[in-house]
Amino acid sequence: MDVTICDLGGVTLKSKIEALNFIRLSEKSFLEKTIFILEISLYLLSFISFFYFIILGIKLKAFKCIIIVFLLLGYRFVQVITNIKFHDLLKLSLLIFIFMAMFLAEILNFYSRIPIFDKILHSLSGAMLFFVGQALYKRVEKSQKVIKSNTTVMILFSMFFSIAMAGCWEIFEFSMDRLLGYHLQNDSLFDTMGDIICGTSMAIITAILSFVLFRVKRVNVDKSYMDETHDGYSKLVSNIEPSNLPM
């Protein structure tokens, strides 16, 4: 009697795999549509706002609308140049962050309307940059043709990448304040350290959650494989007639 690997899993395992693949394709299609609609909406919103502020003579805000367009083009440009593949959820997060950081904060003055809005953005950036670091790590692995990824190293790299970027951003703000006379840091060490702490804390929290999720996923995959193998083996044994057994 010939027995293949598929016999051990049975039709049930194959059906589950096909169902999961269908769900993933549906989710991906929905995410792609959402990303496309949001990106186009941001472009339209930026152009409309640009002409609106030009008519009102508010040149600074009109210039910020142009910056939004360059940021939207920039994150696409980075993907093409570096050949880093961003996950659809990360793309969506980047677009939402650009909307919050530029349109809500800079154009609609949410910084003054909501005092903690700056800290919210720095916290969100900590989580978002973690996944940017993860995408960068996977790109390096792909270029080095690494067969098996080390999850712990990937999480640590992503976490420290996010923390480093939080510090680099504060250096940028400090430079703008000193060279161009801006007030991005409000001339306050408390503001600077608060931003770094928010970004660092969220990066650490995201790293811990990612590690836990990876561990849970691995345990579930191993358990599912063992259950399917056991069920398939049980079916195989039950189908063997006693007359066919060697005496």
C-alpha atoms as a PDB file:
ATOM      1  CA  MET A   1       0.000   0.000   0.000  1.00  0.00           C
ATOM      2  CA  ASP A   2       1.511   3.313  -1.110  1.00  0.00           C
ATOM      3  CA  VAL A   3       1.408   6.127   1.434  1.00  0.00           C
ATOM      4  CA  THR A   4       2.327   9.721   0.552  1.00  0.00           C
ATOM      5  CA  ILE A   5       2.886  12.711   2.815  1.00  0.00           C
ATOM      6  CA  CYS A   6      -0.489  14.109   1.754  1.00  0.00           C
ATOM      7  CA  ASP A   7      -2.154  10.944   3.075  1.00  0.00           C
ATOM      8  CA  LEU A   8      -0.922  11.739   6.572  1.00  0.00           C
ATOM      9  CA  GLY A   9      -2.466  15.185   6.532  1.00  0.00           C
ATOM     10  CA  GLY A  10      -5.613  14.135   4.704  1.00  0.00           C
ATOM     11  CA  VAL A  11      -7.910  16.338   2.666  1.00  0.00           C
ATOM     12  CA  THR A  12      -8.529  18.547   5.709  1.00  0.00           C
ATOM     13  CA  LEU A  13      -4.993  19.982   5.754  1.00  0.00           C
ATOM     14  CA  LYS A  14      -5.105  20.745   2.033  1.00  0.00           C
ATOM     15  CA  SER A  15      -8.490  22.468   2.417  1.00  0.00           C
ATOM     16  CA  LYS A  16      -7.168  24.592   5.289  1.00  0.00           C
ATOM     17  CA  ILE A  17      -4.146  25.694   3.267  1.00  0.00           C
ATOM     18  CA  GLU A  18      -6.308  26.635   0.274  1.00  0.00           C
ATOM     19  CA  ALA A  19      -8.709  28.560   2.526  1.00  0.00           C
ATOM     20  CA  LEU A  20      -5.841  30.459   4.209  1.00  0.00           C
ATOM     21  CA  ASN A  21      -4.322  31.351   0.831  1.00  0.00           C
ATOM     22  CA  PHE A  22      -7.684  32.669  -0.379  1.00  0.00           C
ATOM     23  CA  ILE A  23      -8.133  34.768   2.761  1.00  0.00           C
ATOM     24  CA  ARG A  24      -4.606  36.204   2.429  1.00  0.00           C
ATOM     25  CA  LEU A  25      -5.212  37.134  -1.210  1.00  0.00           C
ATOM     26  CA  SER A  26      -8.510  38.813  -0.289  1.00  0.00           C
ATOM     27  CA  GLU A  27      -6.876  40.753   2.562  1.00  0.00           C
ATOM     28  CA  LYS A  28      -3.979  41.786   0.331  1.00  0.00           C
ATOM     29  CA  SER A  29      -6.375  42.974  -2.352  1.00  0.00           C
ATOM     30  CA  PHE A  30      -8.347  45.008   0.215  1.00  0.00           C
ATOM     31  CA  LEU A  31      -5.161  46.515   1.676  1.00  0.00           C
ATOM     32  CA  GLU A  32      -3.817  47.425  -1.762  1.00  0.00           C
ATOM     33  CA  LYS A  33      -7.077  49.194  -2.618  1.00  0.00           C
ATOM     34  CA  THR A  34      -7.057  51.020   0.722  1.00  0.00           C
ATOM     35  CA  ILE A  35      -3.425  52.120   0.234  1.00  0.00           C
ATOM     36  CA  PHE A  36      -4.131  53.321  -3.304  1.00  0.00           C
ATOM     37  CA  ILE A  37      -7.231  55.312  -2.273  1.00  0.00           C
ATOM     38  CA  LEU A  38      -5.463  56.861   0.729  1.00  0.00           C
ATOM     39  CA  GLU A  39      -2.375  57.809  -1.285  1.00  0.00           C
ATOM     40  CA  ILE A  40      -4.418  59.424  -4.070  1.00  0.00           C
ATOM     41  CA  SER A  41      -6.525  61.241  -1.459  1.00  0.00           C
ATOM     42  CA  LEU A  42      -3.390  62.662   0.165  1.00  0.00           C
ATOM     43  CA  TYR A  43      -2.127  63.914  -3.188  1.00  0.00           C
ATOM     44  CA  LEU A  44      -5.464  65.592  -3.939  1.00  0.00           C
ATOM     45  CA  LEU A  45      -5.684  67.046  -0.435  1.00  0.00           C
ATOM     46  CA  SER A  46      -2.166  68.453  -0.746  1.00  0.00           C
ATOM     47  CA  PHE A  47      -2.807  70.103  -4.128  1.00  0.00           C
ATOM     48  CA  ILE A  48      -6.158  71.580  -3.048  1.00  0.00           C
ATOM     49  CA  SER A  49      -4.626  72.893   0.180  1.00  0.00           C
ATOM     50  CA  PHE A  50      -1.648  74.318  -1.737  1.00  0.00           C
ATOM     51  CA  PHE A  51      -3.834  76.458  -4.023  1.00  0.00           C
ATOM     52  CA  TYR A  52      -6.069  77.412  -1.094  1.00  0.00           C
ATOM     53  CA  PHE A  53      -3.148  78.779   0.938  1.00  0.00           C
ATOM     54  CA  ILE A  54      -1.638  80.454  -2.151  1.00  0.00           C
ATOM     55  CA  ILE A  55      -4.906  82.345  -2.664  1.00  0.00           C
ATOM     56  CA  LEU A  56      -4.924  83.356   1.015  1.00  0.00           C
ATOM     57  CA  GLY A  57      -1.265  84.375   0.791  1.00  0.00           C
ATOM     58  CA  ILE A  58      -0.127  81.912   3.484  1.00  0.00           C
ATOM     59  CA  LYS A  59       3.099  80.856   1.779  1.00  0.00           C
ATOM     60  CA  LEU A  60       4.537  78.821   4.658  1.00  0.00           C
ATOM     61  CA  LYS A  61       1.599  76.420   4.766  1.00  0.00           C
ATOM     62  CA  ALA A  62       1.556  76.235   0.976  1.00  0.00           C
ATOM     63  CA  PHE A  63       5.215  75.179   1.137  1.00  0.00           C
ATOM     64  CA  LYS A  64       4.341  72.493   3.695  1.00  0.00           C
ATOM     65  CA  CYS A  65       1.789  71.092   1.231  1.00  0.00           C
ATOM     66  CA  ILE A  66       4.609  70.693  -1.288  1.00  0.00           C
ATOM     67  CA  ILE A  67       6.658  68.874   1.371  1.00  0.00           C
ATOM     68  CA  ILE A  68       3.790  66.393   1.815  1.00  0.00           C
ATOM     69  CA  VAL A  69       3.908  65.600  -1.912  1.00  0.00           C
ATOM     70  CA  PHE A  70       7.686  65.077  -1.764  1.00  0.00           C
ATOM     71  CA  LEU A  71       7.282  62.764   1.249  1.00  0.00           C
ATOM     72  CA  LEU A  72       4.682  60.703  -0.614  1.00  0.00           C
ATOM     73  CA  LEU A  73       7.011  60.422  -3.594  1.00  0.00           C
ATOM     74  CA  GLY A  74       9.994  59.858  -1.321  1.00  0.00           C
ATOM     75  CA  TYR A  75       8.858  56.672   0.377  1.00  0.00           C
ATOM     76  CA  ARG A  76       8.106  55.156  -3.048  1.00  0.00           C
ATOM     77  CA  PHE A  77      11.500  56.305  -4.306  1.00  0.00           C
ATOM     78  CA  VAL A  78      13.271  54.685  -1.344  1.00  0.00           C
ATOM     79  CA  GLN A  79      11.632  51.340  -2.117  1.00  0.00           C
ATOM     80  CA  VAL A  80      12.710  51.482  -5.761  1.00  0.00           C
ATOM     81  CA  ILE A  81      16.303  52.546  -5.049  1.00  0.00           C
ATOM     82  CA  THR A  82      16.967  50.221  -2.110  1.00  0.00           C
ATOM     83  CA  ASN A  83      14.780  47.370  -3.405  1.00  0.00           C
ATOM     84  CA  ILE A  84      13.320  47.028   0.096  1.00  0.00           C
ATOM     85  CA  LYS A  85       9.868  45.449   0.071  1.00  0.00           C
ATOM     86  CA  PHE A  86       7.542  47.140   2.566  1.00  0.00           C
ATOM     87  CA  HIS A  87       4.603  45.100   3.822  1.00  0.00           C
ATOM     88  CA  ASP A  88       1.208  46.514   2.874  1.00  0.00           C
ATOM     89  CA  LEU A  89       0.396  47.245   6.529  1.00  0.00           C
ATOM     90  CA  LEU A  90       3.653  49.191   6.833  1.00  0.00           C
ATOM     91  CA  LYS A  91       2.814  51.196   3.701  1.00  0.00           C
ATOM     92  CA  LEU A  92      -0.580  52.018   5.178  1.00  0.00           C
ATOM     93  CA  SER A  93       1.047  53.047   8.479  1.00  0.00           C
ATOM     94  CA  LEU A  94       3.514  55.329   6.664  1.00  0.00           C
ATOM     95  CA  LEU A  95       0.705  57.080   4.785  1.00  0.00           C
ATOM     96  CA  ILE A  96      -1.317  57.569   7.963  1.00  0.00           C
ATOM     97  CA  PHE A  97       1.772  58.889   9.751  1.00  0.00           C
ATOM     98  CA  ILE A  98       2.494  61.385   6.949  1.00  0.00           C
ATOM     99  CA  PHE A  99      -1.111  62.587   7.171  1.00  0.00           C
ATOM    100  CA  MET A 100      -0.913  62.989  10.954  1.00  0.00           C
ATOM    101  CA  ALA A 101       2.590  64.481  11.127  1.00  0.00           C
ATOM    102  CA  MET A 102       2.263  66.914   8.224  1.00  0.00           C
ATOM    103  CA  PHE A 103      -1.376  67.704   7.531  1.00  0.00           C
ATOM    104  CA  LEU A 104      -2.881  67.470  11.022  1.00  0.00           C
ATOM    105  CA  ALA A 105       0.164  68.709  12.961  1.00  0.00           C
ATOM    106  CA  GLU A 106       1.710  71.286  10.624  1.00  0.00           C
ATOM    107  CA  ILE A 107      -1.233  72.574   8.588  1.00  0.00           C
ATOM    108  CA  LEU A 108      -4.162  72.233  11.011  1.00  0.00           C
ATOM    109  CA  ASN A 109      -1.988  73.132  14.039  1.00  0.00           C
ATOM    110  CA  PHE A 110      -2.768  70.026  16.101  1.00  0.00           C
ATOM    111  CA  TYR A 111       0.442  70.627  18.049  1.00  0.00           C
ATOM    112  CA  SER A 112      -1.142  73.647  19.726  1.00  0.00           C
ATOM    113  CA  ARG A 113      -4.648  72.176  19.889  1.00  0.00           C
ATOM    114  CA  ILE A 114      -3.569  68.884  21.475  1.00  0.00           C
ATOM    115  CA  PRO A 115      -0.511  69.362  23.746  1.00  0.00           C
ATOM    116  CA  ILE A 116       0.465  65.669  23.732  1.00  0.00           C
ATOM    117  CA  PHE A 117       0.048  65.257  19.953  1.00  0.00           C
ATOM    118  CA  ASP A 118       3.830  65.526  19.439  1.00  0.00           C
ATOM    119  CA  LYS A 119       4.435  62.708  21.929  1.00  0.00           C
ATOM    120  CA  ILE A 120       1.764  60.574  20.229  1.00  0.00           C
ATOM    121  CA  LEU A 121       3.562  60.966  16.892  1.00  0.00           C
ATOM    122  CA  HIS A 122       6.955  60.084  18.368  1.00  0.00           C
ATOM    123  CA  SER A 123       5.449  56.997  20.015  1.00  0.00           C
ATOM    124  CA  LEU A 124       3.862  55.885  16.741  1.00  0.00           C
ATOM    125  CA  SER A 125       7.123  56.482  14.904  1.00  0.00           C
ATOM    126  CA  GLY A 126       8.888  54.148  17.350  1.00  0.00           C
ATOM    127  CA  ALA A 127       6.617  51.266  16.323  1.00  0.00           C
ATOM    128  CA  MET A 128       6.632  52.187  12.645  1.00  0.00           C
ATOM    129  CA  LEU A 129      10.432  52.462  12.437  1.00  0.00           C
ATOM    130  CA  PHE A 130      10.693  49.055  14.092  1.00  0.00           C
ATOM    131  CA  PHE A 131       8.959  47.513  11.076  1.00  0.00           C
ATOM    132  CA  VAL A 132      11.042  49.620   8.696  1.00  0.00           C
ATOM    133  CA  GLY A 133      14.115  48.112  10.368  1.00  0.00           C
ATOM    134  CA  GLN A 134      12.569  44.673   9.990  1.00  0.00           C
ATOM    135  CA  ALA A 135      12.070  45.234   6.245  1.00  0.00           C
ATOM    136  CA  LEU A 136      15.689  46.439   5.983  1.00  0.00           C
ATOM    137  CA  TYR A 137      16.947  43.353   7.826  1.00  0.00           C
ATOM    138  CA  LYS A 138      15.016  41.040   5.495  1.00  0.00           C
ATOM    139  CA  ARG A 139      16.450  42.887   2.501  1.00  0.00           C
ATOM    140  CA  VAL A 140      19.991  42.305   3.785  1.00  0.00           C
ATOM    141  CA  GLU A 141      19.202  38.636   4.419  1.00  0.00           C
ATOM    142  CA  LYS A 142      17.877  38.282   0.889  1.00  0.00           C
ATOM    143  CA  SER A 143      21.004  39.863  -0.590  1.00  0.00           C
ATOM    144  CA  GLN A 144      23.180  37.516   1.467  1.00  0.00           C
ATOM    145  CA  LYS A 145      20.996  34.545   0.447  1.00  0.00           C
ATOM    146  CA  VAL A 146      20.361  33.539   4.055  1.00  0.00           C
ATOM    147  CA  ILE A 147      18.291  30.353   4.110  1.00  0.00           C
ATOM    148  CA  LYS A 148      17.030  30.414   7.698  1.00  0.00           C
ATOM    149  CA  SER A 149      16.258  33.708   9.414  1.00  0.00           C
ATOM    150  CA  ASN A 150      17.219  34.298  13.047  1.00  0.00           C
ATOM    151  CA  THR A 151      14.103  35.795  14.620  1.00  0.00           C
ATOM    152  CA  THR A 152      15.840  37.062  17.773  1.00  0.00           C
ATOM    153  CA  VAL A 153      18.562  38.885  15.821  1.00  0.00           C
ATOM    154  CA  MET A 154      15.960  40.389  13.479  1.00  0.00           C
ATOM    155  CA  ILE A 155      13.895  41.727  16.398  1.00  0.00           C
ATOM    156  CA  LEU A 156      16.948  43.164  18.178  1.00  0.00           C
ATOM    157  CA  PHE A 157      18.179  44.812  14.973  1.00  0.00           C
ATOM    158  CA  SER A 158      14.748  46.333  14.311  1.00  0.00           C
ATOM    159  CA  MET A 159      14.479  47.619  17.873  1.00  0.00           C
ATOM    160  CA  PHE A 160      17.909  49.276  17.901  1.00  0.00           C
ATOM    161  CA  PHE A 161      17.295  50.683  14.414  1.00  0.00           C
ATOM    162  CA  SER A 162      14.127  52.384  15.678  1.00  0.00           C
ATOM    163  CA  ILE A 163      15.900  53.725  18.778  1.00  0.00           C
ATOM    164  CA  ALA A 164      18.777  55.051  16.659  1.00  0.00           C
ATOM    165  CA  MET A 165      16.358  56.810  14.295  1.00  0.00           C
ATOM    166  CA  ALA A 166      14.673  58.503  17.268  1.00  0.00           C
ATOM    167  CA  GLY A 167      18.044  59.992  18.221  1.00  0.00           C
ATOM    168  CA  CYS A 168      18.848  60.965  14.616  1.00  0.00           C
ATOM    169  CA  TRP A 169      15.555  62.826  14.338  1.00  0.00           C
ATOM    170  CA  GLU A 170      16.340  64.889  17.428  1.00  0.00           C
ATOM    171  CA  ILE A 171      19.749  65.728  15.919  1.00  0.00           C
ATOM    172  CA  PHE A 172      17.910  66.919  12.803  1.00  0.00           C
ATOM    173  CA  GLU A 173      15.546  69.077  14.874  1.00  0.00           C
ATOM    174  CA  PHE A 174      18.471  70.533  16.846  1.00  0.00           C
ATOM    175  CA  SER A 175      20.280  71.368  13.586  1.00  0.00           C
ATOM    176  CA  MET A 176      17.211  73.089  12.132  1.00  0.00           C
ATOM    177  CA  ASP A 177      16.774  75.150  15.297  1.00  0.00           C
ATOM    178  CA  ARG A 178      20.394  76.293  15.390  1.00  0.00           C
ATOM    179  CA  LEU A 179      21.018  76.767  11.667  1.00  0.00           C
ATOM    180  CA  LEU A 180      17.664  78.077  10.422  1.00  0.00           C
ATOM    181  CA  GLY A 181      16.188  79.570  13.574  1.00  0.00           C
ATOM    182  CA  TYR A 182      13.287  77.124  13.914  1.00  0.00           C
ATOM    183  CA  HIS A 183      11.785  76.089  17.251  1.00  0.00           C
ATOM    184  CA  LEU A 184      11.212  72.386  16.676  1.00  0.00           C
ATOM    185  CA  GLN A 185      12.564  71.467  20.115  1.00  0.00           C
ATOM    186  CA  ASN A 186      11.034  74.497  21.849  1.00  0.00           C
ATOM    187  CA  ASP A 187      14.535  75.202  23.215  1.00  0.00           C
ATOM    188  CA  SER A 188      13.853  72.549  25.843  1.00  0.00           C
ATOM    189  CA  LEU A 189      15.930  69.541  26.864  1.00  0.00           C
ATOM    190  CA  PHE A 190      12.778  68.136  28.469  1.00  0.00           C
ATOM    191  CA  ASP A 191      11.014  68.142  25.077  1.00  0.00           C
ATOM    192  CA  THR A 192      13.981  66.461  23.380  1.00  0.00           C
ATOM    193  CA  MET A 193      14.377  63.732  25.984  1.00  0.00           C
ATOM    194  CA  GLY A 194      10.609  63.203  26.134  1.00  0.00           C
ATOM    195  CA  ASP A 195      10.526  62.576  22.372  1.00  0.00           C
ATOM    196  CA  ILE A 196      13.429  60.111  22.560  1.00  0.00           C
ATOM    197  CA  ILE A 197      11.876  58.290  25.517  1.00  0.00           C
ATOM    198  CA  CYS A 198       8.522  57.967  23.705  1.00  0.00           C
ATOM    199  CA  GLY A 199      10.137  56.572  20.562  1.00  0.00           C
ATOM    200  CA  THR A 200      12.448  54.252  22.503  1.00  0.00           C
ATOM    201  CA  SER A 201       9.684  52.943  24.773  1.00  0.00           C
ATOM    202  CA  MET A 202       7.399  52.109  21.859  1.00  0.00           C
ATOM    203  CA  ALA A 203      10.270  50.421  19.998  1.00  0.00           C
ATOM    204  CA  ILE A 204      10.938  48.190  23.036  1.00  0.00           C
ATOM    205  CA  ILE A 205       7.231  47.402  23.496  1.00  0.00           C
ATOM    206  CA  THR A 206       6.879  46.529  19.809  1.00  0.00           C
ATOM    207  CA  ALA A 207       9.967  44.297  20.013  1.00  0.00           C
ATOM    208  CA  ILE A 208       8.577  42.414  23.021  1.00  0.00           C
ATOM    209  CA  LEU A 209       5.169  41.946  21.384  1.00  0.00           C
ATOM    210  CA  SER A 210       6.789  40.793  18.139  1.00  0.00           C
ATOM    211  CA  PHE A 211       8.926  38.261  19.993  1.00  0.00           C
ATOM    212  CA  VAL A 212       5.890  36.891  21.848  1.00  0.00           C
ATOM    213  CA  LEU A 213       3.836  36.675  18.640  1.00  0.00           C
ATOM    214  CA  PHE A 214       6.644  34.874  16.814  1.00  0.00           C
ATOM    215  CA  ARG A 215       6.925  32.369  19.669  1.00  0.00           C
ATOM    216  CA  VAL A 216       3.160  31.788  19.783  1.00  0.00           C
ATOM    217  CA  LYS A 217       3.019  31.401  15.998  1.00  0.00           C
ATOM    218  CA  ARG A 218       5.857  28.858  16.044  1.00  0.00           C
ATOM    219  CA  VAL A 219       4.210  26.829  18.822  1.00  0.00           C
ATOM    220  CA  ASN A 220       0.864  26.833  16.984  1.00  0.00           C
ATOM    221  CA  VAL A 221       2.489  25.737  13.708  1.00  0.00           C
ATOM    222  CA  ASP A 222       4.331  22.899  15.450  1.00  0.00           C
ATOM    223  CA  LYS A 223       1.162  21.832  17.293  1.00  0.00           C
ATOM    224  CA  SER A 224      -0.931  21.974  14.110  1.00  0.00           C
ATOM    225  CA  TYR A 225       1.623  19.858  12.258  1.00  0.00           C
ATOM    226  CA  MET A 226       1.677  17.280  15.039  1.00  0.00           C
ATOM    227  CA  ASP A 227      -2.138  17.150  15.241  1.00  0.00           C
ATOM    228  CA  GLU A 228      -2.524  16.760  11.473  1.00  0.00           C
ATOM    229  CA  THR A 229       0.173  14.069  11.380  1.00  0.00           C
ATOM    230  CA  HIS A 230      -1.436  12.201  14.282  1.00  0.00           C
ATOM    231  CA  ASP A 231      -4.896  12.354  12.681  1.00  0.00           C
ATOM    232  CA  GLY A 232      -3.527  11.176   9.346  1.00  0.00           C
ATOM    233  CA  TYR A 233      -1.650   8.324  10.995  1.00  0.00           C
ATOM    234  CA  SER A 234      -4.772   7.294  12.916  1.00  0.00           C
ATOM    235  CA  LYS A 235      -6.811   7.186   9.706  1.00  0.00           C
ATOM    236  CA  LEU A 236      -4.097   5.178   8.008  1.00  0.00           C
ATOM    237  CA  VAL A 237      -4.008   2.597  10.824  1.00  0.00           C
ATOM    238  CA  SER A 238      -7.802   2.312  10.975  1.00  0.00           C
ATOM    239  CA  ASN A 239      -8.006   1.632   7.227  1.00  0.00           C
ATOM    240  CA  ILE A 240      -5.627  -1.333   7.383  1.00  0.00           C
ATOM    241  CA  GLU A 241      -7.565  -4.585   7.392  1.00  0.00           C
ATOM    242  CA  PRO A 242      -6.454  -7.264   9.865  1.00  0.00           C
ATOM    243  CA  SER A 243      -6.283  -9.796   7.007  1.00  0.00           C
ATOM    244  CA  ASN A 244      -3.547  -7.723   5.346  1.00  0.00           C
ATOM    245  CA  LEU A 245      -1.332  -7.773   8.405  1.00  0.00           C
ATOM    246  CA  PRO A 246       1.607 -10.202   8.300  1.00  0.00           C
ATOM    247  CA  MET A 247       1.113 -13.345  10.409  1.00  0.00           C
END
